[in-house]
Amino acid sequence: MQRRRGITAKVWKTVRRIDNRGNEVVVADADGPHEVRCALIPQRSARAEIPGQQQINITRMIVPADLEGVTLWSRVEVLGSVWDIVTPPAYHHGDRKTRHWSIDIRERPS
C-alpha cells in the first residue's frame, strides 16, 4: 500500500557501452530516467560538524518488483536531489502484492 501512495522517483538504469579505448564499461543510461513510485525509509545520517566534512544521508528505497536493470552504477533523483546507489538491490520475494526491490541510496553532496 505504501509504495502505491509513495513518492515519485526517477531512476537511471545501467547499460554496457564501449568507451573510446574499446573497453566495455557500465554506465547510467543517458536515454532518460524511468519514473517509479517508491517508499523511503531513513537508515542513518551523519551531520557535518567540522568544516571540510560532509553530511551523509542514507535511505532505503522500496520499489516495485518489475523494475530491472538497476545496479550500483545507476542514479536516482528523488526529493529534489540526486542520489547514488550504495548497495546492490535486494529482491524480496513474496506474493504478487508484497514482492519488491529494496535499494540503499546515499545523497550526493550539494
N, C-alpha and C. Protein backbone atom coordinates (compact mmCIF):
# COMPACT_ATOMS: atom_id res chain seq x y z
N MET A 1 0.82 -1.20 0.00
CA MET A 1 0.00 0.00 0.00
C MET A 1 0.86 1.26 0.00
N GLN A 2 1.94 1.26 0.79
CA GLN A 2 2.76 2.46 0.87
C GLN A 2 3.47 2.78 -0.44
N ARG A 3 3.89 1.75 -1.19
CA ARG A 3 4.56 2.03 -2.46
C ARG A 3 3.61 2.69 -3.44
N ARG A 4 2.34 2.28 -3.41
CA ARG A 4 1.38 2.90 -4.33
C ARG A 4 1.11 4.34 -3.96
N ARG A 5 1.11 4.65 -2.67
CA ARG A 5 0.87 6.02 -2.23
C ARG A 5 2.17 6.79 -2.09
N GLY A 6 3.29 6.16 -2.36
CA GLY A 6 4.60 6.76 -2.14
C GLY A 6 4.87 7.94 -3.06
N ILE A 7 6.11 8.32 -3.10
CA ILE A 7 6.50 9.47 -3.91
C ILE A 7 7.12 9.00 -5.22
N THR A 8 7.18 9.90 -6.18
CA THR A 8 7.73 9.58 -7.49
C THR A 8 9.24 9.79 -7.49
N ALA A 9 9.96 8.82 -8.04
CA ALA A 9 11.42 8.91 -8.17
C ALA A 9 11.80 8.63 -9.61
N LYS A 10 12.89 9.24 -10.05
CA LYS A 10 13.43 8.97 -11.37
C LYS A 10 14.67 8.11 -11.20
N VAL A 11 14.70 6.98 -11.92
CA VAL A 11 15.81 6.03 -11.81
C VAL A 11 16.45 5.87 -13.18
N TRP A 12 17.76 6.07 -13.24
CA TRP A 12 18.51 5.82 -14.45
C TRP A 12 19.05 4.41 -14.38
N LYS A 13 18.63 3.53 -15.29
CA LYS A 13 19.12 2.16 -15.32
C LYS A 13 20.53 2.14 -15.91
N THR A 14 21.19 1.00 -15.84
CA THR A 14 22.55 0.92 -16.37
C THR A 14 22.57 0.13 -17.67
N VAL A 15 23.53 0.47 -18.50
CA VAL A 15 23.75 -0.22 -19.77
C VAL A 15 25.25 -0.43 -19.94
N ARG A 16 25.60 -1.38 -20.79
CA ARG A 16 27.01 -1.63 -21.12
C ARG A 16 27.33 -0.91 -22.42
N ARG A 17 28.39 -0.12 -22.41
CA ARG A 17 28.82 0.64 -23.59
C ARG A 17 30.29 0.38 -23.83
N ILE A 18 30.75 0.70 -25.02
CA ILE A 18 32.16 0.61 -25.38
C ILE A 18 32.73 2.04 -25.32
N ASP A 19 33.78 2.24 -24.52
CA ASP A 19 34.38 3.57 -24.42
C ASP A 19 35.32 3.81 -25.60
N ASN A 20 35.98 4.98 -25.61
CA ASN A 20 36.83 5.34 -26.75
C ASN A 20 38.11 4.50 -26.83
N ARG A 21 38.42 3.71 -25.82
CA ARG A 21 39.57 2.82 -25.86
C ARG A 21 39.20 1.39 -26.23
N GLY A 22 37.90 1.14 -26.46
CA GLY A 22 37.45 -0.18 -26.83
C GLY A 22 37.09 -1.07 -25.65
N ASN A 23 37.08 -0.50 -24.45
CA ASN A 23 36.74 -1.28 -23.26
C ASN A 23 35.23 -1.25 -23.02
N GLU A 24 34.71 -2.35 -22.52
CA GLU A 24 33.30 -2.39 -22.16
C GLU A 24 33.13 -1.83 -20.76
N VAL A 25 32.30 -0.80 -20.62
CA VAL A 25 32.08 -0.16 -19.32
C VAL A 25 30.58 -0.13 -19.01
N VAL A 26 30.26 -0.06 -17.73
CA VAL A 26 28.88 0.04 -17.28
C VAL A 26 28.62 1.48 -16.88
N VAL A 27 27.61 2.09 -17.48
CA VAL A 27 27.29 3.50 -17.21
C VAL A 27 25.79 3.65 -17.03
N ALA A 28 25.38 4.77 -16.42
CA ALA A 28 23.96 5.09 -16.31
C ALA A 28 23.43 5.40 -17.70
N ASP A 29 22.25 4.90 -18.02
CA ASP A 29 21.66 5.06 -19.35
C ASP A 29 21.29 6.51 -19.59
N ALA A 30 21.84 7.09 -20.65
CA ALA A 30 21.59 8.50 -20.95
C ALA A 30 20.28 8.72 -21.69
N ASP A 31 19.57 7.64 -22.05
CA ASP A 31 18.31 7.79 -22.79
C ASP A 31 17.22 8.43 -21.95
N GLY A 32 17.37 8.47 -20.69
CA GLY A 32 16.39 9.12 -19.85
C GLY A 32 15.99 8.27 -18.67
N PRO A 33 15.46 8.92 -17.66
CA PRO A 33 15.09 8.18 -16.45
C PRO A 33 13.75 7.47 -16.59
N HIS A 34 13.55 6.49 -15.73
CA HIS A 34 12.28 5.80 -15.63
C HIS A 34 11.63 6.24 -14.33
N GLU A 35 10.37 6.62 -14.39
CA GLU A 35 9.68 7.08 -13.19
C GLU A 35 9.02 5.91 -12.48
N VAL A 36 9.23 5.83 -11.17
CA VAL A 36 8.64 4.78 -10.34
C VAL A 36 8.05 5.42 -9.09
N ARG A 37 7.10 4.73 -8.49
CA ARG A 37 6.58 5.12 -7.18
C ARG A 37 7.38 4.35 -6.15
N CYS A 38 7.79 5.00 -5.08
CA CYS A 38 8.62 4.32 -4.09
C CYS A 38 8.27 4.77 -2.69
N ALA A 39 8.68 3.97 -1.74
CA ALA A 39 8.61 4.32 -0.33
C ALA A 39 10.04 4.53 0.15
N LEU A 40 10.26 5.51 1.02
CA LEU A 40 11.59 5.82 1.52
C LEU A 40 11.63 5.59 3.03
N ILE A 41 12.66 4.88 3.49
CA ILE A 41 12.85 4.61 4.91
C ILE A 41 14.24 5.11 5.29
N PRO A 42 14.35 6.14 6.15
CA PRO A 42 15.67 6.62 6.55
C PRO A 42 16.44 5.53 7.28
N GLN A 43 17.73 5.36 6.94
CA GLN A 43 18.57 4.35 7.56
C GLN A 43 19.53 4.97 8.58
N ARG A 44 20.36 5.90 8.11
CA ARG A 44 21.29 6.56 9.02
C ARG A 44 21.74 7.86 8.39
N SER A 45 22.23 8.76 9.22
CA SER A 45 22.76 10.02 8.71
C SER A 45 23.81 10.53 9.68
N ALA A 46 24.71 11.34 9.18
CA ALA A 46 25.75 11.96 9.98
C ALA A 46 25.86 13.41 9.54
N ARG A 47 25.77 14.31 10.50
CA ARG A 47 25.86 15.72 10.17
C ARG A 47 27.31 16.16 10.10
N ALA A 48 27.55 17.17 9.29
CA ALA A 48 28.89 17.74 9.18
C ALA A 48 29.09 18.71 10.34
N GLU A 49 29.93 18.35 11.30
CA GLU A 49 30.15 19.19 12.48
C GLU A 49 31.38 20.09 12.32
N ILE A 50 32.35 19.63 11.55
CA ILE A 50 33.60 20.37 11.39
C ILE A 50 33.70 20.81 9.93
N PRO A 51 34.18 22.04 9.66
CA PRO A 51 34.35 22.45 8.26
C PRO A 51 35.22 21.46 7.50
N GLY A 52 34.80 21.12 6.30
CA GLY A 52 35.52 20.16 5.48
C GLY A 52 34.88 18.79 5.48
N GLN A 53 34.03 18.51 6.48
CA GLN A 53 33.30 17.26 6.49
C GLN A 53 32.04 17.42 5.65
N GLN A 54 31.44 16.30 5.29
CA GLN A 54 30.19 16.38 4.55
C GLN A 54 29.12 15.59 5.27
N GLN A 55 27.89 16.01 5.06
CA GLN A 55 26.76 15.32 5.66
C GLN A 55 26.44 14.07 4.86
N ILE A 56 26.16 12.97 5.55
CA ILE A 56 25.86 11.71 4.90
C ILE A 56 24.44 11.30 5.24
N ASN A 57 23.62 11.13 4.22
CA ASN A 57 22.25 10.65 4.39
C ASN A 57 22.11 9.36 3.61
N ILE A 58 21.71 8.29 4.29
CA ILE A 58 21.46 7.02 3.62
C ILE A 58 20.02 6.63 3.88
N THR A 59 19.32 6.30 2.80
CA THR A 59 17.90 5.99 2.85
C THR A 59 17.66 4.70 2.08
N ARG A 60 16.74 3.88 2.57
CA ARG A 60 16.35 2.67 1.85
C ARG A 60 15.13 3.00 0.99
N MET A 61 15.24 2.70 -0.29
CA MET A 61 14.16 2.95 -1.24
C MET A 61 13.53 1.62 -1.61
N ILE A 62 12.22 1.52 -1.47
CA ILE A 62 11.49 0.30 -1.81
C ILE A 62 10.71 0.57 -3.08
N VAL A 63 10.98 -0.24 -4.11
CA VAL A 63 10.36 -0.05 -5.43
C VAL A 63 9.68 -1.34 -5.86
N PRO A 64 8.77 -1.28 -6.84
CA PRO A 64 8.08 -2.48 -7.31
C PRO A 64 9.04 -3.52 -7.89
N ALA A 65 8.58 -4.77 -7.92
CA ALA A 65 9.42 -5.89 -8.36
C ALA A 65 9.69 -5.88 -9.86
N ASP A 66 8.92 -5.13 -10.64
CA ASP A 66 9.12 -5.15 -12.09
C ASP A 66 10.24 -4.21 -12.56
N LEU A 67 10.88 -3.49 -11.66
CA LEU A 67 12.00 -2.62 -12.02
C LEU A 67 13.26 -3.46 -12.17
N GLU A 68 13.84 -3.46 -13.36
CA GLU A 68 15.04 -4.24 -13.62
C GLU A 68 16.10 -3.35 -14.25
N GLY A 69 17.34 -3.81 -14.26
CA GLY A 69 18.42 -3.05 -14.87
C GLY A 69 19.03 -2.02 -13.96
N VAL A 70 18.77 -2.09 -12.65
CA VAL A 70 19.32 -1.14 -11.70
C VAL A 70 20.48 -1.82 -10.97
N THR A 71 21.66 -1.18 -11.00
CA THR A 71 22.85 -1.72 -10.35
C THR A 71 23.52 -0.61 -9.56
N LEU A 72 24.74 -0.87 -9.10
CA LEU A 72 25.47 0.13 -8.32
C LEU A 72 25.83 1.37 -9.13
N TRP A 73 25.82 1.27 -10.46
CA TRP A 73 26.18 2.42 -11.30
C TRP A 73 24.96 3.24 -11.70
N SER A 74 23.80 2.92 -11.22
CA SER A 74 22.59 3.67 -11.54
C SER A 74 22.55 4.96 -10.72
N ARG A 75 21.69 5.86 -11.12
CA ARG A 75 21.46 7.11 -10.40
C ARG A 75 19.98 7.21 -10.07
N VAL A 76 19.67 7.93 -8.99
CA VAL A 76 18.29 8.14 -8.56
C VAL A 76 18.10 9.61 -8.28
N GLU A 77 16.99 10.16 -8.72
CA GLU A 77 16.62 11.53 -8.38
C GLU A 77 15.31 11.47 -7.62
N VAL A 78 15.35 11.89 -6.37
CA VAL A 78 14.17 11.87 -5.52
C VAL A 78 14.32 12.98 -4.47
N LEU A 79 13.22 13.54 -4.04
CA LEU A 79 13.20 14.62 -3.04
C LEU A 79 14.02 15.83 -3.48
N GLY A 80 14.10 16.06 -4.77
CA GLY A 80 14.79 17.24 -5.30
C GLY A 80 16.30 17.16 -5.33
N SER A 81 16.88 15.99 -5.11
CA SER A 81 18.34 15.86 -5.18
C SER A 81 18.71 14.54 -5.83
N VAL A 82 19.98 14.42 -6.20
CA VAL A 82 20.48 13.23 -6.89
C VAL A 82 21.14 12.33 -5.85
N TRP A 83 20.90 11.01 -5.99
CA TRP A 83 21.39 10.02 -5.04
C TRP A 83 22.17 8.95 -5.80
N ASP A 84 23.16 8.36 -5.14
CA ASP A 84 23.91 7.22 -5.66
C ASP A 84 23.41 5.96 -4.97
N ILE A 85 23.49 4.84 -5.66
CA ILE A 85 23.13 3.56 -5.07
C ILE A 85 24.37 3.01 -4.38
N VAL A 86 24.23 2.64 -3.09
CA VAL A 86 25.41 2.23 -2.32
C VAL A 86 25.46 0.73 -2.03
N THR A 87 24.36 0.03 -2.18
CA THR A 87 24.36 -1.43 -2.01
C THR A 87 23.64 -2.04 -3.20
N PRO A 88 24.01 -3.24 -3.59
CA PRO A 88 23.28 -3.88 -4.69
C PRO A 88 21.81 -4.03 -4.32
N PRO A 89 20.91 -3.84 -5.29
CA PRO A 89 19.49 -4.00 -5.00
C PRO A 89 19.19 -5.42 -4.49
N ALA A 90 18.35 -5.50 -3.46
CA ALA A 90 17.99 -6.79 -2.87
C ALA A 90 16.53 -7.10 -3.23
N TYR A 91 16.32 -8.28 -3.80
CA TYR A 91 14.98 -8.70 -4.20
C TYR A 91 14.32 -9.44 -3.05
N HIS A 92 13.11 -9.03 -2.70
CA HIS A 92 12.34 -9.68 -1.64
C HIS A 92 11.12 -10.32 -2.29
N HIS A 93 11.12 -11.65 -2.30
CA HIS A 93 10.04 -12.37 -2.96
C HIS A 93 8.90 -12.61 -1.99
N GLY A 94 7.71 -12.46 -2.48
CA GLY A 94 6.50 -12.71 -1.70
C GLY A 94 5.38 -12.95 -2.67
N ASP A 95 4.17 -12.74 -2.23
CA ASP A 95 3.07 -12.87 -3.19
C ASP A 95 3.08 -11.64 -4.10
N ARG A 96 2.13 -11.57 -5.01
CA ARG A 96 2.14 -10.52 -6.03
C ARG A 96 2.11 -9.12 -5.43
N LYS A 97 1.46 -8.96 -4.30
CA LYS A 97 1.34 -7.63 -3.70
C LYS A 97 2.54 -7.21 -2.87
N THR A 98 3.30 -8.17 -2.36
CA THR A 98 4.37 -7.80 -1.43
C THR A 98 5.78 -7.92 -1.99
N ARG A 99 5.99 -8.53 -3.16
CA ARG A 99 7.35 -8.63 -3.68
C ARG A 99 7.85 -7.26 -4.11
N HIS A 100 9.13 -7.00 -3.87
CA HIS A 100 9.70 -5.69 -4.15
C HIS A 100 11.22 -5.76 -4.16
N TRP A 101 11.84 -4.68 -4.60
CA TRP A 101 13.28 -4.48 -4.52
C TRP A 101 13.53 -3.44 -3.42
N SER A 102 14.57 -3.63 -2.62
CA SER A 102 14.99 -2.59 -1.67
C SER A 102 16.40 -2.17 -2.06
N ILE A 103 16.60 -0.86 -2.13
CA ILE A 103 17.86 -0.28 -2.61
C ILE A 103 18.29 0.79 -1.61
N ASP A 104 19.52 0.69 -1.10
CA ASP A 104 20.05 1.74 -0.23
C ASP A 104 20.69 2.81 -1.11
N ILE A 105 20.31 4.06 -0.87
CA ILE A 105 20.82 5.18 -1.65
C ILE A 105 21.45 6.21 -0.74
N ARG A 106 22.47 6.92 -1.26
CA ARG A 106 23.16 7.96 -0.50
C ARG A 106 23.07 9.27 -1.26
N GLU A 107 22.71 10.32 -0.57
CA GLU A 107 22.56 11.63 -1.20
C GLU A 107 23.92 12.18 -1.59
N ARG A 108 24.00 12.69 -2.83
CA ARG A 108 25.24 13.30 -3.29
C ARG A 108 25.41 14.66 -2.64
N PRO A 109 26.64 15.04 -2.28
CA PRO A 109 26.84 16.36 -1.67
C PRO A 109 26.48 17.46 -2.65
N SER A 110 25.89 18.49 -2.11
CA SER A 110 25.48 19.61 -2.99
C SER A 110 26.50 20.72 -3.01
